[in-house]
N, C-alpha and C. Protein backbone atom coordinates (compact mmCIF):
# COMPACT_ATOMS: atom_id res chain seq x y z
N UNK A 1 93.52 124.46 92.09
CA UNK A 1 92.81 124.62 90.63
C UNK A 1 91.42 124.04 90.68
N UNK A 2 90.26 124.50 90.35
CA UNK A 2 88.95 123.97 90.51
C UNK A 2 88.72 123.14 89.70
N UNK A 3 87.89 122.16 89.65
CA UNK A 3 87.52 120.92 89.06
C UNK A 3 86.70 121.78 87.56
N UNK A 4 86.21 122.76 87.58
CA UNK A 4 85.88 123.30 86.29
C UNK A 4 86.87 123.81 85.48
N UNK A 5 88.12 124.41 86.26
CA UNK A 5 89.42 124.93 85.29
C UNK A 5 89.87 123.90 84.86
N UNK A 6 90.12 122.72 85.60
CA UNK A 6 90.87 121.39 85.04
C UNK A 6 89.92 120.94 83.94
N UNK A 7 88.47 120.74 83.86
CA UNK A 7 88.13 120.46 82.88
C UNK A 7 88.12 121.34 81.44
N UNK A 8 88.21 122.51 81.50
CA UNK A 8 88.20 123.52 80.50
C UNK A 8 89.73 123.48 80.06
N UNK A 9 90.93 123.32 80.95
CA UNK A 9 92.17 122.77 80.34
C UNK A 9 92.11 121.64 79.58
N UNK A 10 91.93 120.51 80.36
CA UNK A 10 91.41 119.32 79.50
C UNK A 10 91.08 119.25 78.12
N UNK A 11 89.85 120.13 78.21
CA UNK A 11 89.36 120.08 76.91
C UNK A 11 90.18 121.03 75.63
N UNK A 12 90.83 121.93 76.35
CA UNK A 12 91.43 122.80 75.21
C UNK A 12 92.62 121.95 74.86
N UNK A 13 93.45 121.09 75.75
CA UNK A 13 94.54 120.45 75.42
C UNK A 13 93.95 119.23 74.50
N UNK A 14 92.98 118.57 74.68
CA UNK A 14 92.26 117.72 73.67
C UNK A 14 91.82 118.28 72.25
N UNK A 15 91.38 119.27 72.15
CA UNK A 15 91.22 119.98 71.11
C UNK A 15 92.50 120.29 70.37
N UNK A 16 93.53 120.56 71.04
CA UNK A 16 94.82 120.93 70.11
C UNK A 16 95.33 119.65 69.75
N UNK A 17 95.33 118.50 70.24
CA UNK A 17 95.55 117.19 70.12
C UNK A 17 94.68 116.80 68.82
N UNK A 18 93.54 116.94 68.86
CA UNK A 18 92.65 116.66 67.77
C UNK A 18 93.26 117.16 66.37
N UNK A 19 93.39 118.34 66.45
CA UNK A 19 93.50 119.44 65.12
C UNK A 19 94.83 119.30 64.67
N UNK A 20 95.78 118.58 65.49
CA UNK A 20 97.29 118.65 65.25
C UNK A 20 97.58 117.42 64.70
N UNK A 21 98.26 117.03 63.88
CA UNK A 21 98.63 115.72 63.43
C UNK A 21 100.18 115.13 63.74
N UNK A 22 100.92 116.43 64.09
CA UNK A 22 102.27 116.29 64.62
C UNK A 22 102.34 117.19 65.87
N UNK A 23 103.01 116.44 66.85
CA UNK A 23 103.17 117.18 68.24
C UNK A 23 104.32 116.15 68.99
N UNK A 24 105.03 116.78 69.86
CA UNK A 24 106.10 116.47 70.48
C UNK A 24 105.91 116.61 71.97
N UNK A 25 106.36 115.52 72.79
CA UNK A 25 106.40 115.83 74.19
C UNK A 25 107.83 115.85 74.48
N UNK A 26 107.99 116.81 74.99
CA UNK A 26 109.62 117.29 75.53
C UNK A 26 109.61 117.52 77.10
N UNK A 27 111.01 117.68 77.42
CA UNK A 27 111.29 118.05 78.64
C UNK A 27 112.29 119.13 78.69
N UNK A 28 111.66 120.27 79.19
CA UNK A 28 112.43 121.52 79.08
C UNK A 28 112.71 121.99 80.45
N UNK A 29 112.58 121.19 81.58
CA UNK A 29 112.75 121.50 82.99
C UNK A 29 114.15 122.03 83.29
N UNK A 30 115.02 121.60 82.71
CA UNK A 30 116.19 122.09 83.29
C UNK A 30 116.75 123.24 82.74
N UNK A 31 116.08 123.96 81.91
CA UNK A 31 116.32 125.42 81.18
C UNK A 31 115.95 126.38 82.36
N UNK A 32 116.99 127.18 82.13
CA UNK A 32 116.87 128.63 83.10
C UNK A 32 115.94 129.52 82.42
N UNK A 33 115.50 130.48 82.97
CA UNK A 33 114.69 131.28 82.44
C UNK A 33 114.83 132.15 81.18
N UNK A 34 116.27 132.34 81.04
CA UNK A 34 116.73 132.67 79.78
C UNK A 34 116.56 132.09 78.72
N UNK A 35 117.16 130.78 78.87
CA UNK A 35 116.86 129.75 77.84
C UNK A 35 115.48 129.24 77.40
N UNK A 36 114.65 129.32 78.35
CA UNK A 36 113.36 129.09 78.06
C UNK A 36 112.54 130.06 77.36
N UNK A 37 113.03 131.49 77.51
CA UNK A 37 112.39 132.37 76.48
C UNK A 37 113.18 132.23 75.36
N UNK A 38 114.34 131.93 75.27
CA UNK A 38 114.98 131.92 73.79
C UNK A 38 114.28 130.62 73.04
N UNK A 39 114.02 129.48 73.66
CA UNK A 39 113.49 128.54 73.08
C UNK A 39 111.89 128.97 72.50
N UNK A 40 111.39 129.77 73.47
CA UNK A 40 109.86 130.08 73.21
C UNK A 40 109.85 130.92 72.02
N UNK A 41 110.93 131.85 71.94
CA UNK A 41 111.01 132.97 70.91
C UNK A 41 111.24 132.12 69.73
N UNK A 42 112.23 131.16 69.67
CA UNK A 42 112.60 130.36 68.25
C UNK A 42 111.46 129.67 67.91
N UNK A 43 110.55 129.26 69.02
CA UNK A 43 109.39 128.38 68.61
C UNK A 43 108.34 129.46 67.85
N UNK A 44 107.98 130.33 68.61
CA UNK A 44 107.16 131.39 67.84
C UNK A 44 107.50 131.61 66.42
N UNK A 45 108.73 132.02 66.25
CA UNK A 45 109.21 132.61 65.12
C UNK A 45 109.50 131.30 63.93
N UNK A 46 109.37 130.05 64.39
CA UNK A 46 109.15 128.91 63.42
C UNK A 46 107.70 128.30 63.21
N UNK A 47 106.75 128.89 63.71
CA UNK A 47 105.16 128.51 63.79
C UNK A 47 105.06 127.19 64.85
N UNK A 48 105.87 127.16 65.84
CA UNK A 48 105.62 125.98 66.64
C UNK A 48 104.84 126.55 67.64
N UNK A 49 104.13 125.71 68.35
CA UNK A 49 103.32 126.28 69.99
C UNK A 49 103.76 125.55 70.82
N UNK A 50 104.45 126.13 71.73
CA UNK A 50 105.20 125.37 72.73
C UNK A 50 104.10 125.59 74.00
N UNK A 51 103.64 124.48 74.73
CA UNK A 51 102.62 124.60 76.02
C UNK A 51 103.16 123.66 77.14
N UNK A 52 103.50 124.05 78.40
CA UNK A 52 103.64 123.05 79.30
C UNK A 52 102.15 122.70 79.87
N UNK A 53 102.52 121.38 80.23
CA UNK A 53 101.35 120.57 80.83
C UNK A 53 101.64 119.81 81.93
N UNK A 54 100.48 119.53 82.62
CA UNK A 54 100.59 118.53 83.81
C UNK A 54 100.31 117.45 83.15
N UNK A 55 101.13 116.11 83.35
CA UNK A 55 100.93 114.98 83.02
C UNK A 55 99.51 114.28 83.30
N UNK A 56 98.85 114.66 84.35
CA UNK A 56 97.67 113.90 84.60
C UNK A 56 96.65 114.73 83.59
N UNK A 57 96.73 115.72 83.41
CA UNK A 57 95.77 116.54 82.71
C UNK A 57 95.98 116.08 80.99
N UNK A 58 97.42 115.85 80.79
CA UNK A 58 97.64 115.54 79.49
C UNK A 58 97.01 114.09 79.10
N UNK A 59 97.13 113.32 79.94
CA UNK A 59 96.80 111.65 79.96
C UNK A 59 95.29 111.78 79.83
N UNK A 60 94.62 112.72 80.68
CA UNK A 60 92.99 112.71 80.42
C UNK A 60 92.51 113.39 79.14
N UNK A 61 93.46 114.66 78.54
CA UNK A 61 93.15 114.80 77.35
C UNK A 61 93.37 113.94 76.04
N UNK A 62 94.27 113.08 76.33
CA UNK A 62 94.58 111.94 75.46
C UNK A 62 93.81 110.71 75.56
N UNK A 63 93.02 110.32 76.58
CA UNK A 63 92.22 109.48 76.42
C UNK A 63 90.72 110.18 75.95
N UNK A 64 90.33 111.84 75.71
CA UNK A 64 89.56 111.96 74.95
C UNK A 64 89.42 112.27 73.43
N UNK A 65 90.52 111.74 73.14
CA UNK A 65 91.17 111.91 71.77
C UNK A 65 90.68 110.62 70.90
N UNK A 66 90.15 110.68 69.65
CA UNK A 66 90.08 109.49 69.06
C UNK A 66 91.02 108.90 68.19
N UNK A 67 92.35 109.37 68.75
CA UNK A 67 93.87 108.91 67.95
C UNK A 67 94.30 108.14 68.89
N UNK A 68 95.35 106.98 68.50
CA UNK A 68 95.63 105.93 68.81
C UNK A 68 97.06 106.52 69.83
N UNK A 69 96.90 107.28 71.04
CA UNK A 69 97.97 107.69 71.90
C UNK A 69 98.35 106.82 73.03
N UNK A 70 97.90 105.59 73.26
CA UNK A 70 98.09 104.99 74.35
C UNK A 70 99.66 104.72 74.50
N UNK A 71 100.46 104.59 73.36
CA UNK A 71 102.08 104.32 73.40
C UNK A 71 102.59 105.57 74.07
N UNK A 72 102.07 106.73 73.74
CA UNK A 72 102.58 108.15 74.82
C UNK A 72 102.60 108.11 76.11
N UNK A 73 101.84 107.02 76.77
CA UNK A 73 101.62 107.40 78.10
C UNK A 73 102.90 106.82 78.80
N UNK A 74 103.81 106.31 78.25
CA UNK A 74 105.41 105.88 78.97
C UNK A 74 106.03 107.33 79.24
N UNK A 75 105.78 108.22 78.18
CA UNK A 75 106.44 109.62 78.48
C UNK A 75 105.92 110.40 79.27
N UNK A 76 105.01 109.99 80.04
CA UNK A 76 104.33 111.00 80.79
C UNK A 76 104.78 110.85 82.29
N UNK A 77 106.07 111.11 82.35
CA UNK A 77 106.78 111.05 83.67
C UNK A 77 107.75 112.26 83.68
N UNK A 78 107.80 113.18 84.87
CA UNK A 78 108.35 114.27 84.97
C UNK A 78 107.89 115.58 84.39
N UNK A 79 108.56 116.57 84.12
CA UNK A 79 108.04 117.69 83.49
C UNK A 79 107.61 117.54 81.95
N UNK A 80 106.66 117.65 81.35
CA UNK A 80 106.40 117.60 79.98
C UNK A 80 105.69 118.93 79.28
N UNK A 81 106.53 119.16 78.12
CA UNK A 81 105.96 120.33 77.62
C UNK A 81 105.54 119.58 76.00
N UNK A 82 104.63 120.33 75.35
CA UNK A 82 103.92 119.74 74.32
C UNK A 82 104.49 120.85 73.11
N UNK A 83 104.89 120.40 71.89
CA UNK A 83 105.11 121.46 70.98
C UNK A 83 104.54 121.11 69.81
N UNK A 84 103.40 121.85 69.16
CA UNK A 84 102.69 121.51 68.05
C UNK A 84 103.22 122.16 66.66
N UNK A 85 103.20 121.60 65.85
CA UNK A 85 103.74 122.40 64.35
C UNK A 85 103.10 121.49 63.13
N UNK A 86 102.96 122.42 62.10
CA UNK A 86 102.35 121.80 60.86
C UNK A 86 103.09 120.61 60.21
N UNK A 87 104.65 120.98 60.35
CA UNK A 87 105.67 120.19 59.69
C UNK A 87 105.93 118.99 60.65
N UNK A 88 106.17 117.95 60.52
CA UNK A 88 106.57 116.98 61.41
C UNK A 88 108.12 116.92 61.80
N UNK A 89 108.93 117.28 61.15
CA UNK A 89 110.28 117.51 61.43
C UNK A 89 110.75 118.87 61.94
N UNK A 90 109.92 119.85 61.91
CA UNK A 90 110.09 121.33 62.38
C UNK A 90 110.56 121.30 64.07
N UNK A 91 109.88 120.66 64.79
CA UNK A 91 110.38 120.54 66.38
C UNK A 91 111.58 119.94 66.59
N UNK A 92 111.84 118.76 65.85
CA UNK A 92 113.13 118.30 65.75
C UNK A 92 114.38 118.84 65.25
N UNK A 93 114.27 119.64 64.38
CA UNK A 93 115.26 120.62 63.67
C UNK A 93 115.58 121.54 64.90
N UNK A 94 114.27 122.20 65.35
CA UNK A 94 114.69 123.27 66.39
C UNK A 94 115.46 122.93 67.54
N UNK A 95 115.00 121.77 68.03
CA UNK A 95 115.65 121.38 69.10
C UNK A 95 117.15 120.83 68.99
N UNK A 96 117.55 120.20 67.87
CA UNK A 96 119.10 119.93 67.40
C UNK A 96 119.50 121.31 67.38
N UNK A 97 119.01 122.34 66.78
CA UNK A 97 119.76 123.63 66.76
C UNK A 97 119.96 124.09 68.16
N UNK A 98 118.90 124.04 68.90
CA UNK A 98 118.87 124.68 70.24
C UNK A 98 119.71 123.86 71.40
N UNK A 99 120.12 122.74 70.88
CA UNK A 99 120.92 121.79 71.57
C UNK A 99 122.53 122.10 71.45
N UNK A 100 122.67 123.02 70.59
CA UNK A 100 124.06 123.10 70.00
C UNK A 100 124.76 124.09 71.16
N UNK A 101 123.85 124.84 72.31
CA UNK A 101 124.26 125.32 73.22
C UNK A 101 123.62 124.78 74.67
N UNK A 102 122.75 123.95 74.74
CA UNK A 102 122.57 123.21 75.87
C UNK A 102 121.87 121.89 75.47
N UNK A 103 121.97 120.98 76.41
CA UNK A 103 121.58 119.56 76.39
C UNK A 103 119.96 119.40 76.43
N UNK A 104 119.38 120.73 76.76
CA UNK A 104 117.99 120.25 76.97
C UNK A 104 117.39 121.42 75.49
N UNK A 105 116.06 121.21 75.17
CA UNK A 105 115.05 120.21 75.75
C UNK A 105 115.37 118.72 75.06
N UNK A 106 115.07 117.73 75.87
CA UNK A 106 115.10 116.30 75.68
C UNK A 106 113.57 115.79 75.16
N UNK A 107 113.55 115.18 73.94
CA UNK A 107 112.49 114.62 73.56
C UNK A 107 112.07 113.25 73.85
N UNK A 108 110.87 113.42 74.70
CA UNK A 108 110.35 112.23 75.32
C UNK A 108 109.57 111.12 74.59
N UNK A 109 108.58 111.86 73.52
CA UNK A 109 108.00 110.82 72.78
C UNK A 109 107.72 111.74 71.61
N UNK A 110 107.23 111.68 70.40
CA UNK A 110 106.72 112.41 69.18
C UNK A 110 105.44 111.67 68.75
N UNK A 111 104.48 112.30 68.06
CA UNK A 111 103.48 111.83 67.53
C UNK A 111 103.53 112.35 65.93
N UNK A 112 103.86 111.95 64.98
CA UNK A 112 103.89 112.30 63.51
C UNK A 112 103.05 111.52 62.66
N UNK A 113 101.66 112.18 62.30
CA UNK A 113 100.99 111.71 61.21
C UNK A 113 100.79 110.01 61.53
N UNK A 114 100.15 110.19 62.74
CA UNK A 114 99.51 108.64 63.36
C UNK A 114 100.88 107.69 63.69
N UNK A 115 102.04 108.11 63.61
CA UNK A 115 103.16 107.34 64.10
C UNK A 115 103.71 107.79 65.28
N UNK A 116 103.97 106.93 66.33
CA UNK A 116 104.47 107.21 67.53
C UNK A 116 105.76 106.90 67.75
N UNK A 117 106.57 107.96 68.12
CA UNK A 117 108.41 107.68 68.44
C UNK A 117 108.61 108.04 69.84
N UNK A 118 109.16 107.15 70.16
CA UNK A 118 109.40 107.19 71.77
C UNK A 118 110.86 107.11 72.24
N UNK A 119 111.30 108.16 73.02
CA UNK A 119 112.97 108.35 73.00
C UNK A 119 113.74 109.50 72.73
N UNK A 120 114.52 109.90 73.20
CA UNK A 120 115.35 110.97 73.01
C UNK A 120 116.47 110.31 71.72
N UNK A 121 116.58 109.36 71.74
CA UNK A 121 117.30 108.71 70.69
C UNK A 121 116.96 108.75 69.29
N UNK A 122 115.80 109.04 69.09
CA UNK A 122 114.90 109.59 67.65
C UNK A 122 115.01 110.89 67.18
N UNK A 123 115.69 111.45 67.88
CA UNK A 123 115.92 112.87 67.38
C UNK A 123 116.65 113.19 65.95
N UNK A 124 117.70 112.35 65.61
CA UNK A 124 118.03 112.47 64.53
C UNK A 124 117.26 112.08 63.29
N UNK A 125 116.42 111.01 63.49
CA UNK A 125 115.62 110.37 62.59
C UNK A 125 114.22 111.36 62.63
N UNK A 126 113.81 111.63 63.63
CA UNK A 126 112.93 112.75 63.58
C UNK A 126 113.12 113.76 62.69
N UNK A 127 114.43 114.36 62.77
CA UNK A 127 114.75 115.90 62.09
C UNK A 127 114.97 115.56 60.48
N UNK A 128 115.20 114.23 60.40
CA UNK A 128 115.34 114.05 58.76
C UNK A 128 114.07 113.63 58.01
N UNK A 129 113.26 113.63 58.75
CA UNK A 129 111.58 112.85 58.18
C UNK A 129 111.44 114.23 57.40
N UNK A 130 110.79 113.99 56.02
CA UNK A 130 110.54 115.08 55.14
C UNK A 130 108.98 115.52 55.34
N UNK A 131 108.69 116.85 55.43
CA UNK A 131 107.36 117.33 55.46
C UNK A 131 106.76 116.91 54.18
N UNK A 132 105.28 117.05 54.22
CA UNK A 132 104.21 116.65 53.07
C UNK A 132 104.66 117.52 52.10
N UNK A 133 105.03 118.88 52.13
CA UNK A 133 105.31 119.72 50.84
C UNK A 133 106.73 119.46 50.43
N UNK A 134 107.59 118.74 51.27
CA UNK A 134 109.02 118.38 50.66
C UNK A 134 108.66 117.12 49.91
N UNK A 135 108.09 116.35 50.37
CA UNK A 135 107.72 115.08 49.73
C UNK A 135 107.00 115.15 48.22
N UNK A 136 106.10 116.18 48.20
CA UNK A 136 105.29 116.69 46.91
C UNK A 136 106.38 117.20 45.90
N UNK A 137 107.17 118.17 46.39
CA UNK A 137 108.24 118.72 45.61
C UNK A 137 109.10 117.72 45.16
N UNK A 138 109.73 116.68 45.74
CA UNK A 138 110.42 115.61 45.34
C UNK A 138 109.54 114.65 44.06
N UNK A 139 108.43 114.35 44.55
CA UNK A 139 107.59 113.87 43.45
C UNK A 139 107.46 114.48 42.18
N UNK A 140 107.44 115.78 42.31
CA UNK A 140 107.14 116.55 41.00
C UNK A 140 108.41 116.64 40.50
N UNK A 141 109.64 116.63 40.93
CA UNK A 141 110.76 116.86 40.47
C UNK A 141 111.20 115.47 39.64
N UNK A 142 110.82 114.15 40.19
CA UNK A 142 111.08 112.92 39.80
C UNK A 142 110.21 112.71 38.33
N UNK A 143 108.97 113.35 38.40
CA UNK A 143 107.93 113.25 37.40
C UNK A 143 108.34 114.02 36.15
N UNK A 144 109.02 115.09 36.68
CA UNK A 144 109.29 115.92 35.51
C UNK A 144 110.63 115.55 34.83
N UNK A 145 111.38 114.97 35.57
CA UNK A 145 112.94 114.50 35.05
C UNK A 145 112.71 113.92 33.69
N UNK A 146 112.20 112.47 33.54
CA UNK A 146 111.90 111.89 32.14
C UNK A 146 111.64 112.92 31.15
N UNK A 147 110.62 113.73 31.43
CA UNK A 147 110.12 114.83 30.32
C UNK A 147 111.47 115.71 29.93
N UNK A 148 111.97 116.22 30.99
CA UNK A 148 113.21 117.20 30.65
C UNK A 148 114.14 116.47 29.46
N UNK A 149 114.56 114.93 30.29
CA UNK A 149 115.72 114.41 29.62
C UNK A 149 115.01 114.53 27.94
N UNK A 150 113.66 114.07 27.74
CA UNK A 150 113.37 114.00 26.21
C UNK A 150 113.43 115.27 25.56
N UNK A 151 113.22 116.01 26.02
CA UNK A 151 113.11 117.60 25.46
C UNK A 151 114.47 117.91 25.19
N UNK A 152 115.22 117.71 26.05
CA UNK A 152 116.79 118.58 25.96
C UNK A 152 117.31 117.26 24.79
N UNK A 153 117.07 115.83 24.87
CA UNK A 153 117.44 115.03 23.76
C UNK A 153 116.90 115.45 22.49
N UNK A 154 115.69 115.84 22.33
CA UNK A 154 115.30 116.59 21.05
C UNK A 154 115.99 117.76 20.46
N UNK A 155 116.14 118.52 21.70
CA UNK A 155 116.70 120.01 21.21
C UNK A 155 118.22 119.77 20.68
N UNK A 156 118.90 118.88 21.54
CA UNK A 156 120.36 118.70 21.06
C UNK A 156 120.47 117.96 19.90
N UNK A 157 119.43 116.79 19.53
CA UNK A 157 119.39 116.08 18.51
C UNK A 157 119.37 117.04 17.21
N UNK A 158 118.15 118.00 17.09
CA UNK A 158 118.12 119.08 16.14
C UNK A 158 119.18 119.74 15.69
N UNK A 159 119.86 120.21 16.91
CA UNK A 159 120.98 121.19 16.52
C UNK A 159 122.23 120.23 15.85
N UNK A 160 122.16 119.01 16.42
CA UNK A 160 123.27 117.94 15.69
C UNK A 160 122.97 117.89 14.36
N UNK A 161 121.53 117.36 13.87
CA UNK A 161 121.31 117.00 12.81
C UNK A 161 121.45 118.49 11.75
N UNK A 162 121.24 119.43 12.09
CA UNK A 162 121.27 120.75 11.45
C UNK A 162 122.47 121.04 10.97
N UNK A 163 123.59 120.86 12.13
CA UNK A 163 124.80 120.86 11.54
C UNK A 163 125.54 119.90 10.70
N UNK A 164 124.99 118.65 10.83
CA UNK A 164 125.44 117.58 9.99
C UNK A 164 125.25 117.83 8.69
N UNK A 165 123.75 118.37 8.44
CA UNK A 165 123.21 118.98 7.05
C UNK A 165 123.68 119.83 6.26
N UNK A 166 124.12 120.89 7.22
CA UNK A 166 124.83 122.21 6.81
C UNK A 166 126.37 121.82 6.30
N UNK A 167 126.97 120.73 7.21
CA UNK A 167 128.39 120.45 6.54
C UNK A 167 128.29 119.32 5.41
N UNK A 168 127.50 118.84 5.25
CA UNK A 168 127.35 117.85 4.29
C UNK A 168 126.94 118.97 3.18
N UNK A 169 125.99 119.78 3.01
CA UNK A 169 125.82 120.70 1.76
C UNK A 169 126.93 121.47 1.44
N UNK A 170 127.93 122.00 2.32
CA UNK A 170 129.05 122.74 2.33
C UNK A 170 130.02 121.78 1.53
N UNK A 171 130.24 120.72 1.77
CA UNK A 171 131.08 119.57 0.86
C UNK A 171 130.62 119.44 -0.43
N UNK A 172 129.63 119.17 -0.54
CA UNK A 172 129.00 118.92 -1.94
C UNK A 172 129.41 120.17 -2.88
N UNK A 173 129.73 121.18 -2.40
CA UNK A 173 129.73 122.31 -3.18
C UNK A 173 131.15 122.34 -3.66
């Protein structure tokens, strides 16, 4: 590969690293062509971009980015693929689902919202991380809960009070 092509590839990877707050470094080397095609199809359907990269080019791209990615250097051994997604847990969920049929892909490391996770043993935790939208939904539900309780208490109290007044009025007759 020519030097200009390498430079262009490094710039392309660096741009993706800058734009995405969530990405995984994985090992898909042991997958055959059919399984790799299935994995790529699953990634496409879920909005995850899968990209196979050379470790040396990825290391140079990580150096060019203003993020703290030094901890990811330990994962730059063997074959490496990058998975980019909007949701931090989407690639982990996809990997867990894919592993029901195969032992690969393996998670080498993950960068999620400025936090680095290293090792395949983190897969369960990574899959359980809630996305930003899920957290906002939980927060809205928590904020609505007391108001709903007050409204339902007022509504049920009104019905009870009406029933008591009606009973008392019928007794006095």
